[in-house]
Amino acid sequence: PDGPTWTPAPRLRPALVNVLQVVTAFTVAHSITLALSVFNVVNPPSRWVESIIAASVVLAALNNVWPVIAEARWKLTFVFGLVHGFGFASALKDAGLAKGALVGPLVGFNLGVEIGQLCIVAIVLPVAWSLRGTRTYRGAFAGGSLVIAGVAGLWLVQRAFDLSLIAG
């Protein structure tokens, strides 16, 4: 296809800053909507939320292969994070926490997500950085992104049309 294609980052520092911006934007955004939903300020229908979450994963994965948004990816990630926060909220609500007992779990959950993401970055980024110019990396990067887009596409269809894709 015509248009921009992925190219390896020439320097580590800007790549690291970009990754940290994306990770932090996601956490800040989902923290906002997670709190709004858990405290019953905003409660969109779960089918919409789950469908949009699946669509956001498809778009992010395809953007890895065919970058439409290459600069300031943290802005797009922030928008996606807002939607994901509603999804996280339903999990916390299902845990049956009393309203008075929500602040601690919310802070703990958000810190846990941020720490978990930063740990993954600390493990994956050095390996990815060292392999970024190889054919193996490009193939795994593109192939993995396309597999993720495909699975998320199935989830999108399942959630948007309220289908069960597994006979049971």
Protein backbone atom coordinates (compact mmCIF):
# COMPACT_ATOMS: atom_id res chain seq x y z
CA PRO A 1 0.00 0.00 0.00
CA ASP A 2 1.03 3.57 -0.62
CA GLY A 3 1.60 5.94 2.25
CA PRO A 4 3.87 5.95 5.26
CA THR A 5 5.57 2.77 6.40
CA TRP A 6 7.24 1.92 9.64
CA THR A 7 10.92 2.79 9.95
CA PRO A 8 13.18 2.07 12.92
CA ALA A 9 13.91 4.94 15.29
CA PRO A 10 17.39 6.35 14.75
CA ARG A 11 18.01 7.32 18.42
CA LEU A 12 17.04 5.69 21.72
CA ARG A 13 16.17 8.77 23.79
CA PRO A 14 13.32 10.06 21.56
CA ALA A 15 11.99 6.50 21.21
CA LEU A 16 12.01 6.04 24.98
CA VAL A 17 10.33 9.41 25.56
CA ASN A 18 7.65 8.48 23.02
CA VAL A 19 6.97 5.14 24.70
CA LEU A 20 6.79 6.72 28.16
CA GLN A 21 4.39 9.40 26.86
CA VAL A 22 2.14 6.71 25.37
CA VAL A 23 2.17 4.58 28.52
CA THR A 24 1.48 7.53 30.82
CA ALA A 25 -1.23 9.00 28.55
CA PHE A 26 -3.05 5.67 28.61
CA THR A 27 -2.89 5.47 32.41
CA VAL A 28 -3.98 9.07 32.98
CA ALA A 29 -6.87 8.71 30.53
CA HIS A 30 -8.19 5.42 31.85
CA SER A 31 -7.87 6.75 35.40
CA ILE A 32 -10.26 9.59 34.55
CA THR A 33 -13.01 7.46 33.04
CA LEU A 34 -12.46 4.63 35.51
CA ALA A 35 -13.19 7.02 38.39
CA LEU A 36 -16.14 8.64 36.58
CA SER A 37 -17.70 5.26 35.93
CA VAL A 38 -16.98 3.62 39.27
CA PHE A 39 -18.52 6.62 41.05
CA ASN A 40 -21.53 6.42 38.66
CA VAL A 41 -20.98 9.84 37.08
CA VAL A 42 -20.85 8.43 33.54
CA ASN A 43 -21.93 4.91 32.60
CA PRO A 44 -22.02 4.21 28.87
CA PRO A 45 -23.50 0.89 27.73
CA SER A 46 -20.94 -1.91 28.10
CA ARG A 47 -21.61 -3.22 24.58
CA TRP A 48 -20.56 0.15 23.14
CA VAL A 49 -17.52 0.35 25.39
CA GLU A 50 -16.38 -3.17 24.57
CA SER A 51 -16.92 -2.60 20.85
CA ILE A 52 -14.94 0.66 20.89
CA ILE A 53 -12.16 -0.98 22.94
CA ALA A 54 -11.87 -3.74 20.32
CA ALA A 55 -11.90 -1.14 17.52
CA SER A 56 -9.16 0.85 19.27
CA VAL A 57 -6.97 -2.25 19.45
CA VAL A 58 -7.54 -2.91 15.72
CA LEU A 59 -6.64 0.69 14.86
CA ALA A 60 -3.56 0.77 17.10
CA ALA A 61 -2.27 -2.53 15.71
CA LEU A 62 -2.81 -1.43 12.10
CA ASN A 63 -1.15 1.91 12.88
CA ASN A 64 1.94 -0.10 13.88
CA VAL A 65 2.17 -1.52 10.36
CA TRP A 66 0.83 1.41 8.32
CA PRO A 67 1.41 4.51 10.44
CA VAL A 68 -1.28 7.10 9.93
CA ILE A 69 -0.54 8.69 13.29
CA ALA A 70 3.20 8.62 13.83
CA GLU A 71 3.80 11.89 15.66
CA ALA A 72 2.30 12.52 19.10
CA ARG A 73 0.86 9.00 19.35
CA TRP A 74 0.24 9.74 23.01
CA LYS A 75 -2.75 11.90 22.00
CA LEU A 76 -4.47 9.00 20.24
CA THR A 77 -3.52 6.71 23.11
CA PHE A 78 -5.09 9.17 25.55
CA VAL A 79 -8.39 9.00 23.64
CA PHE A 80 -8.23 5.19 23.55
CA GLY A 81 -7.38 5.16 27.25
CA LEU A 82 -10.55 7.09 28.03
CA VAL A 83 -12.60 4.27 26.53
CA HIS A 84 -10.53 1.54 28.18
CA GLY A 85 -11.18 3.14 31.58
CA PHE A 86 -14.88 2.40 31.20
CA GLY A 87 -13.99 -1.24 30.53
CA PHE A 88 -11.75 -1.41 33.60
CA ALA A 89 -14.56 0.12 35.67
CA SER A 90 -16.96 -2.71 34.91
CA ALA A 91 -14.38 -5.18 36.26
CA LEU A 92 -13.99 -3.20 39.49
CA LYS A 93 -17.76 -2.82 39.84
CA ASP A 94 -18.18 -6.56 39.34
CA ALA A 95 -15.77 -7.06 42.25
CA GLY A 96 -18.57 -5.66 44.44
CA LEU A 97 -16.57 -3.00 46.26
CA ALA A 98 -18.57 -0.72 48.54
CA LYS A 99 -18.61 2.93 47.46
CA GLY A 100 -16.70 4.04 50.55
CA ALA A 101 -13.98 1.51 49.83
CA LEU A 102 -13.25 2.59 46.24
CA VAL A 103 -10.52 5.22 46.56
CA GLY A 104 -7.84 2.79 47.73
CA PRO A 105 -8.58 0.14 45.09
CA LEU A 106 -8.76 2.82 42.35
CA VAL A 107 -5.37 4.28 43.30
CA GLY A 108 -3.88 0.80 43.70
CA PHE A 109 -5.28 -0.38 40.38
CA ASN A 110 -3.99 2.66 38.49
CA LEU A 111 -0.56 2.49 40.10
CA GLY A 112 -0.45 -1.23 39.37
CA VAL A 113 -1.30 -0.69 35.69
CA GLU A 114 1.34 2.04 35.36
CA ILE A 115 4.02 0.00 37.15
CA GLY A 116 3.12 -3.07 35.09
CA GLN A 117 3.38 -1.13 31.84
CA LEU A 118 6.71 0.40 32.87
CA CYS A 119 8.07 -3.06 33.79
CA ILE A 120 7.08 -4.39 30.37
CA VAL A 121 8.73 -1.37 28.73
CA ALA A 122 11.89 -1.94 30.79
CA ILE A 123 12.07 -5.55 29.57
CA VAL A 124 10.87 -5.22 25.97
CA LEU A 125 12.32 -1.86 24.88
CA PRO A 126 16.02 -2.79 25.21
CA VAL A 127 15.45 -6.03 23.27
CA ALA A 128 13.32 -4.31 20.62
CA TRP A 129 15.83 -1.48 20.35
CA SER A 130 18.74 -3.84 19.74
CA LEU A 131 16.79 -5.79 17.08
CA ARG A 132 14.92 -2.86 15.48
CA GLY A 133 16.85 -2.84 12.20
CA THR A 134 16.67 -6.59 11.52
CA ARG A 135 14.32 -8.43 9.18
CA THR A 136 13.32 -10.68 12.07
CA TYR A 137 12.15 -7.70 14.10
CA ARG A 138 10.27 -6.13 11.19
CA GLY A 139 8.57 -9.45 10.45
CA ALA A 140 7.67 -10.12 14.06
CA PHE A 141 6.53 -6.51 14.53
CA ALA A 142 4.31 -6.50 11.45
CA GLY A 143 3.14 -10.09 11.87
CA GLY A 144 2.36 -9.67 15.55
CA SER A 145 0.51 -6.43 14.89
CA LEU A 146 -1.57 -8.05 12.14
CA VAL A 147 -2.43 -11.04 14.37
CA ILE A 148 -3.50 -8.65 17.14
CA ALA A 149 -5.58 -6.65 14.64
CA GLY A 150 -7.25 -9.85 13.43
CA VAL A 151 -8.11 -11.11 16.91
CA ALA A 152 -9.36 -7.68 17.96
CA GLY A 153 -11.39 -7.54 14.73
CA LEU A 154 -13.12 -10.77 15.75
CA TRP A 155 -13.78 -9.32 19.20
CA LEU A 156 -15.19 -6.20 17.56
CA VAL A 157 -17.63 -8.18 15.43
CA GLN A 158 -18.57 -10.34 18.42
CA ARG A 159 -19.22 -7.37 20.68
CA ALA A 160 -20.79 -5.01 18.13
CA PHE A 161 -23.29 -7.61 16.94
CA ASP A 162 -23.64 -9.45 20.27
CA LEU A 163 -22.49 -12.74 18.75
CA SER A 164 -21.00 -15.81 20.31
CA LEU A 165 -18.11 -16.89 18.08
CA ILE A 166 -17.60 -20.12 19.99
CA ALA A 167 -20.37 -22.70 19.93
CA GLY A 168 -21.26 -23.69 23.43
